[in-house]
């Protein structure tokens, strides 16, 4: 895969000395990395390495135990406030606030509104940007109707982008598994993110669906959206990502291009182990 030159702009996302402790378990242990605008960065590691915990801190589901995360040069995650600081309202951003700031995510286990249509699922990703209040919605004011029409049009645009427009009126639960995966990405894109975080997007897909997903993620990046993904399909990661960060037992053990990571002795040991003398 051809490597892309990193932009001279400041990093879009910075993770600094990030830790997360659950009781006596150190799930993430002083992890650092940066993500640059227009990049596709892979975050990989064996099961239980701490990858999803890092995602959960980036997207506001967890607060770090120590360290911080900055996005567009603004701090979006630091250790949870305690005591008087909490009473003053110094809380870590919640997931919906992180979404509003421009970070969207999908999940390892698909989380769709199963009994809503594909169109309604994508529309749900847009409603956090609506301006109409309760009264306008109840009275169906002209401004509310215009806003709703705009939401429908944008949702249909993302369905078309993901190749799902034919299923716009189909209930999400009735879609094939691969299309449900793509629908979840469409809903995330509808939030208009600068950064899209994908947690094992190829899980459960067959080879042809994975090939199509690789092309689709490149198209997403080409629209101006930066991508961070966790993925266990190493062939996909090596083909798709410009850079890769590897974690094991909560610690970063390697970072570099796919070729550099493939040659790294610590990465080989983490995935394959070493023979005993």
Protein backbone atom coordinates (compact mmCIF):
# COMPACT_ATOMS: atom_id res chain seq x y z
CA UNK A 1 0.00 0.00 0.00
CA UNK A 2 1.32 3.47 -0.89
CA UNK A 3 2.10 5.54 2.17
CA UNK A 4 0.60 9.03 2.43
CA UNK A 5 2.65 11.97 3.64
CA UNK A 6 1.42 13.31 6.98
CA UNK A 7 -0.14 16.76 6.86
CA UNK A 8 1.73 19.73 8.32
CA UNK A 9 -1.41 20.66 10.27
CA UNK A 10 -1.52 20.03 14.04
CA UNK A 11 -2.70 16.53 14.99
CA UNK A 12 -6.48 16.18 14.96
CA UNK A 13 -6.35 13.89 18.01
CA UNK A 14 -3.68 13.60 20.71
CA UNK A 15 -3.65 10.86 23.36
CA UNK A 16 -1.20 11.68 26.14
CA UNK A 17 -0.08 9.36 28.95
CA UNK A 18 -3.55 7.82 28.98
CA UNK A 19 -4.37 5.31 31.72
CA UNK A 20 -7.53 3.57 32.86
CA UNK A 21 -7.67 1.50 36.02
CA UNK A 22 -10.58 -0.68 37.13
CA UNK A 23 -9.87 -1.57 40.75
CA UNK A 24 -6.58 -3.46 40.68
CA UNK A 25 -6.63 -3.91 36.88
CA UNK A 26 -4.66 -1.45 34.77
CA UNK A 27 -6.55 -1.74 31.48
CA UNK A 28 -4.66 1.08 29.74
CA UNK A 29 -1.17 2.00 30.90
CA UNK A 30 0.34 5.36 29.83
CA UNK A 31 -0.53 5.20 26.14
CA UNK A 32 0.52 8.01 23.76
CA UNK A 33 -0.31 8.48 20.09
CA UNK A 34 -1.41 11.13 17.60
CA UNK A 35 -3.83 11.05 14.69
CA UNK A 36 -3.38 13.48 11.81
CA UNK A 37 -6.10 14.99 9.58
CA UNK A 38 -6.92 12.78 6.60
CA UNK A 39 -5.21 9.72 8.06
CA UNK A 40 -6.41 6.14 8.50
CA UNK A 41 -4.82 4.88 11.71
CA UNK A 42 -5.16 1.30 12.97
CA UNK A 43 -5.23 0.44 16.67
CA UNK A 44 -4.46 -3.26 17.07
CA UNK A 45 -3.46 -5.79 19.69
CA UNK A 46 -4.40 -9.20 21.09
CA UNK A 47 -7.74 -9.73 22.84
CA UNK A 48 -7.87 -7.86 26.14
CA UNK A 49 -5.08 -5.46 25.12
CA UNK A 50 -7.11 -2.35 26.04
CA UNK A 51 -8.14 -1.18 22.56
CA UNK A 52 -11.86 -0.74 23.20
CA UNK A 53 -11.15 0.90 26.57
CA UNK A 54 -9.09 3.51 24.70
CA UNK A 55 -12.01 4.00 22.27
CA UNK A 56 -14.39 4.39 25.20
CA UNK A 57 -12.24 7.18 26.65
CA UNK A 58 -11.93 8.95 23.29
CA UNK A 59 -15.70 8.85 22.78
CA UNK A 60 -16.73 9.89 26.29
CA UNK A 61 -17.94 6.59 27.72
CA UNK A 62 -15.11 6.44 30.28
CA UNK A 63 -13.03 9.12 31.98
CA UNK A 64 -9.27 8.48 32.09
CA UNK A 65 -7.68 7.60 35.41
CA UNK A 66 -4.74 9.81 34.38
CA UNK A 67 -3.63 11.52 31.19
CA UNK A 68 -5.68 13.50 28.71
CA UNK A 69 -7.11 13.48 25.20
CA UNK A 70 -7.22 16.56 22.98
CA UNK A 71 -9.29 16.90 19.81
CA UNK A 72 -8.83 19.90 17.50
CA UNK A 73 -6.43 21.20 20.16
CA UNK A 74 -9.20 21.23 22.80
CA UNK A 75 -9.13 18.89 25.81
CA UNK A 76 -12.05 16.47 25.61
CA UNK A 77 -11.05 13.95 28.31
CA UNK A 78 -9.12 14.19 31.55
CA UNK A 79 -9.41 12.38 34.91
CA UNK A 80 -12.93 12.53 36.36
CA UNK A 81 -13.49 15.53 38.61
CA UNK A 82 -13.87 14.86 42.32
CA UNK A 83 -15.08 16.71 45.41
CA UNK A 84 -15.69 20.44 44.94
CA UNK A 85 -14.68 20.27 41.29
CA UNK A 86 -17.61 17.91 40.62
CA UNK A 87 -20.00 20.21 42.49
CA UNK A 88 -18.86 23.09 40.27
CA UNK A 89 -19.87 21.03 37.24
CA UNK A 90 -16.40 20.04 36.06
CA UNK A 91 -17.50 16.74 34.58
CA UNK A 92 -15.94 14.76 31.76
CA UNK A 93 -17.79 15.25 28.44
CA UNK A 94 -20.58 12.76 27.83
CA UNK A 95 -20.80 10.75 24.60
CA UNK A 96 -23.38 13.07 23.00
CA UNK A 97 -21.14 16.07 23.67
CA UNK A 98 -18.20 14.27 22.06
CA UNK A 99 -20.43 13.55 19.04
CA UNK A 100 -21.36 17.22 18.79
CA UNK A 101 -17.67 18.12 18.82
CA UNK A 102 -17.10 15.93 15.75
CA UNK A 103 -16.22 12.37 16.83
CA UNK A 104 -18.50 9.52 15.75
CA UNK A 105 -18.17 5.82 16.46
CA UNK A 106 -19.48 2.39 15.68
CA UNK A 107 -19.41 -0.55 18.09
CA UNK A 108 -17.97 -4.04 18.10
CA UNK A 109 -21.51 -5.34 18.61
CA UNK A 110 -23.98 -3.69 16.23
CA UNK A 111 -26.22 -1.17 18.01
CA UNK A 112 -29.08 -0.25 15.71
CA UNK A 113 -32.68 0.66 16.44
CA UNK A 114 -33.90 -2.73 15.23
CA UNK A 115 -37.58 -1.78 14.89
CA UNK A 116 -36.93 1.46 13.00
CA UNK A 117 -36.34 1.63 9.27
CA UNK A 118 -32.92 2.13 7.76
CA UNK A 119 -33.86 5.73 6.96
CA UNK A 120 -35.05 6.40 10.51
CA UNK A 121 -31.83 4.95 11.93
CA UNK A 122 -29.72 7.37 9.90
CA UNK A 123 -32.06 10.26 10.72
CA UNK A 124 -31.39 9.52 14.39
CA UNK A 125 -27.77 10.48 13.78
CA UNK A 126 -28.86 13.94 12.63
CA UNK A 127 -31.37 14.95 15.29
CA UNK A 128 -28.71 16.20 17.72
CA UNK A 129 -28.18 19.07 15.25
CA UNK A 130 -31.84 20.11 15.03
CA UNK A 131 -32.93 23.55 16.22
CA UNK A 132 -36.72 23.22 16.37
CA UNK A 133 -38.12 23.08 19.89
CA UNK A 134 -40.98 21.09 21.35
CA UNK A 135 -43.59 23.72 20.43
CA UNK A 136 -42.48 23.87 16.79
CA UNK A 137 -42.57 20.08 16.62
CA UNK A 138 -46.07 19.88 18.14
CA UNK A 139 -47.47 22.58 15.86
CA UNK A 140 -45.55 21.36 12.78
CA UNK A 141 -44.37 24.90 12.04
CA UNK A 142 -42.97 25.78 8.64
CA UNK A 143 -39.42 25.95 10.03
CA UNK A 144 -39.80 22.54 11.67
CA UNK A 145 -41.12 20.98 8.45
CA UNK A 146 -38.25 22.47 6.45
CA UNK A 147 -35.72 21.19 8.98
CA UNK A 148 -37.26 17.70 8.92
CA UNK A 149 -37.16 17.66 5.11
CA UNK A 150 -33.46 18.60 5.24
CA UNK A 151 -32.79 15.77 7.70
CA UNK A 152 -34.56 13.24 5.46
CA UNK A 153 -32.60 14.42 2.41
CA UNK A 154 -29.25 14.15 4.20
CA UNK A 155 -30.12 10.72 5.64
CA UNK A 156 -30.99 9.49 2.16
CA UNK A 157 -27.69 10.88 0.86
CA UNK A 158 -25.73 8.80 3.38
CA UNK A 159 -27.83 5.71 2.65
CA UNK A 160 -27.02 6.16 -1.03
CA UNK A 161 -23.31 6.67 -0.22
CA UNK A 162 -23.29 3.37 1.69
CA UNK A 163 -25.21 1.53 -1.06
CA UNK A 164 -28.29 1.09 1.13
CA UNK A 165 -30.85 3.42 -0.45
CA UNK A 166 -32.91 0.50 -1.75
CA UNK A 167 -33.48 -0.54 1.88
CA UNK A 168 -34.54 2.91 3.13
CA UNK A 169 -37.98 1.68 4.26
CA UNK A 170 -36.84 -1.74 5.50
CA UNK A 171 -36.68 -2.39 9.24
CA UNK A 172 -33.07 -2.56 10.42
CA UNK A 173 -33.60 -6.01 11.96
CA UNK A 174 -34.56 -7.40 8.54
CA UNK A 175 -31.34 -6.34 6.80
CA UNK A 176 -28.56 -8.88 6.14
CA UNK A 177 -25.74 -8.72 8.68
CA UNK A 178 -23.29 -6.97 6.37
CA UNK A 179 -25.85 -4.31 5.51
CA UNK A 180 -26.53 -3.75 9.21
CA UNK A 181 -22.81 -3.06 9.63
CA UNK A 182 -22.92 -0.51 6.82
CA UNK A 183 -26.10 1.05 8.22
CA UNK A 184 -24.37 1.66 11.54
CA UNK A 185 -21.55 3.43 9.69
CA UNK A 186 -24.10 5.49 7.74
CA UNK A 187 -25.70 6.62 11.01
CA UNK A 188 -22.28 7.60 12.39
CA UNK A 189 -21.49 9.57 9.22
CA UNK A 190 -24.79 11.40 9.51
CA UNK A 191 -23.49 13.11 12.66
CA UNK A 192 -21.05 14.95 10.33
CA UNK A 193 -17.86 13.88 12.10
CA UNK A 194 -14.32 15.07 11.56
CA UNK A 195 -13.16 11.77 13.09
CA UNK A 196 -14.84 8.40 12.56
CA UNK A 197 -13.86 5.65 15.03
CA UNK A 198 -14.68 2.11 13.91
CA UNK A 199 -14.61 -0.76 16.41
CA UNK A 200 -14.04 -3.99 14.45
CA UNK A 201 -16.11 -2.98 11.40
CA UNK A 202 -15.22 -6.19 9.53
CA UNK A 203 -16.36 -8.53 12.33
CA UNK A 204 -18.66 -11.18 10.88
CA UNK A 205 -18.16 -10.09 7.25
CA UNK A 206 -17.18 -12.49 4.48
CA UNK A 207 -14.18 -11.89 2.22
CA UNK A 208 -16.10 -10.01 -0.48
CA UNK A 209 -17.86 -7.82 2.08
CA UNK A 210 -14.51 -7.02 3.69
CA UNK A 211 -12.99 -6.03 0.34
CA UNK A 212 -15.97 -3.73 -0.27
CA UNK A 213 -15.58 -2.27 3.24
CA UNK A 214 -11.91 -1.42 2.62
CA UNK A 215 -12.90 0.53 -0.52
CA UNK A 216 -15.71 2.23 1.38
CA UNK A 217 -13.48 3.37 4.24
CA UNK A 218 -11.08 4.88 1.70
CA UNK A 219 -14.03 6.72 0.13
CA UNK A 220 -15.01 8.01 3.56
CA UNK A 221 -11.48 9.31 4.13
CA UNK A 222 -11.53 10.92 0.69
CA UNK A 223 -14.57 12.98 1.74
CA UNK A 224 -12.34 14.62 4.38
CA UNK A 225 -13.12 12.40 7.38
CA UNK A 226 -10.20 11.03 9.42
CA UNK A 227 -10.51 7.38 10.46
CA UNK A 228 -9.35 5.47 13.55
CA UNK A 229 -10.15 1.78 13.61
CA UNK A 230 -9.76 -1.30 15.76
CA UNK A 231 -9.66 -4.45 13.68
CA UNK A 232 -8.57 -8.08 14.09
CA UNK A 233 -8.42 -8.78 10.34
CA UNK A 234 -4.69 -8.18 9.87
CA UNK A 235 -4.86 -8.40 6.08
CA UNK A 236 -7.39 -5.58 6.09
CA UNK A 237 -5.37 -3.49 8.56
CA UNK A 238 -2.12 -3.84 6.62
CA UNK A 239 -3.81 -2.95 3.34
CA UNK A 240 -5.88 -0.03 4.63
CA UNK A 241 -3.93 1.84 7.31
CA UNK A 242 -1.13 4.35 6.75
CA UNK A 243 0.08 3.92 10.34
CA UNK A 244 -0.61 1.40 13.08
CA UNK A 245 -0.45 1.62 16.88
CA UNK A 246 -0.06 -1.72 18.69
CA UNK A 247 -1.05 -2.24 22.33
CA UNK A 248 -0.60 -5.28 24.55
CA UNK A 249 -1.64 -5.63 28.19
CA UNK A 250 -2.67 -1.98 28.12
CA UNK A 251 0.71 -0.64 26.95
CA UNK A 252 1.78 0.66 23.56
CA UNK A 253 4.46 -1.70 22.26
CA UNK A 254 4.88 -0.41 18.72
CA UNK A 255 3.91 2.33 16.30
CA UNK A 256 4.75 2.82 12.64
CA UNK A 257 3.88 1.93 9.08
CA UNK A 258 2.41 -1.50 8.34
CA UNK A 259 5.80 -2.73 7.14
CA UNK A 260 7.54 -1.49 10.29
CA UNK A 261 4.95 -3.05 12.56
CA UNK A 262 5.12 -6.40 10.75
CA UNK A 263 8.87 -6.57 11.41
CA UNK A 264 8.66 -5.48 15.05
CA UNK A 265 9.87 -8.23 17.41
CA UNK A 266 7.57 -7.12 20.26
CA UNK A 267 4.54 -7.30 17.96
CA UNK A 268 5.52 -10.75 16.70
CA UNK A 269 5.91 -11.94 20.29
CA UNK A 270 2.56 -10.45 21.37
CA UNK A 271 0.69 -12.23 18.57
CA UNK A 272 2.66 -15.44 18.17
CA UNK A 273 4.48 -15.83 21.48
CA UNK A 274 8.05 -17.08 21.76
CA UNK A 275 9.43 -20.56 22.01
CA UNK A 276 10.67 -21.60 25.42
CA UNK A 277 14.37 -22.44 25.57
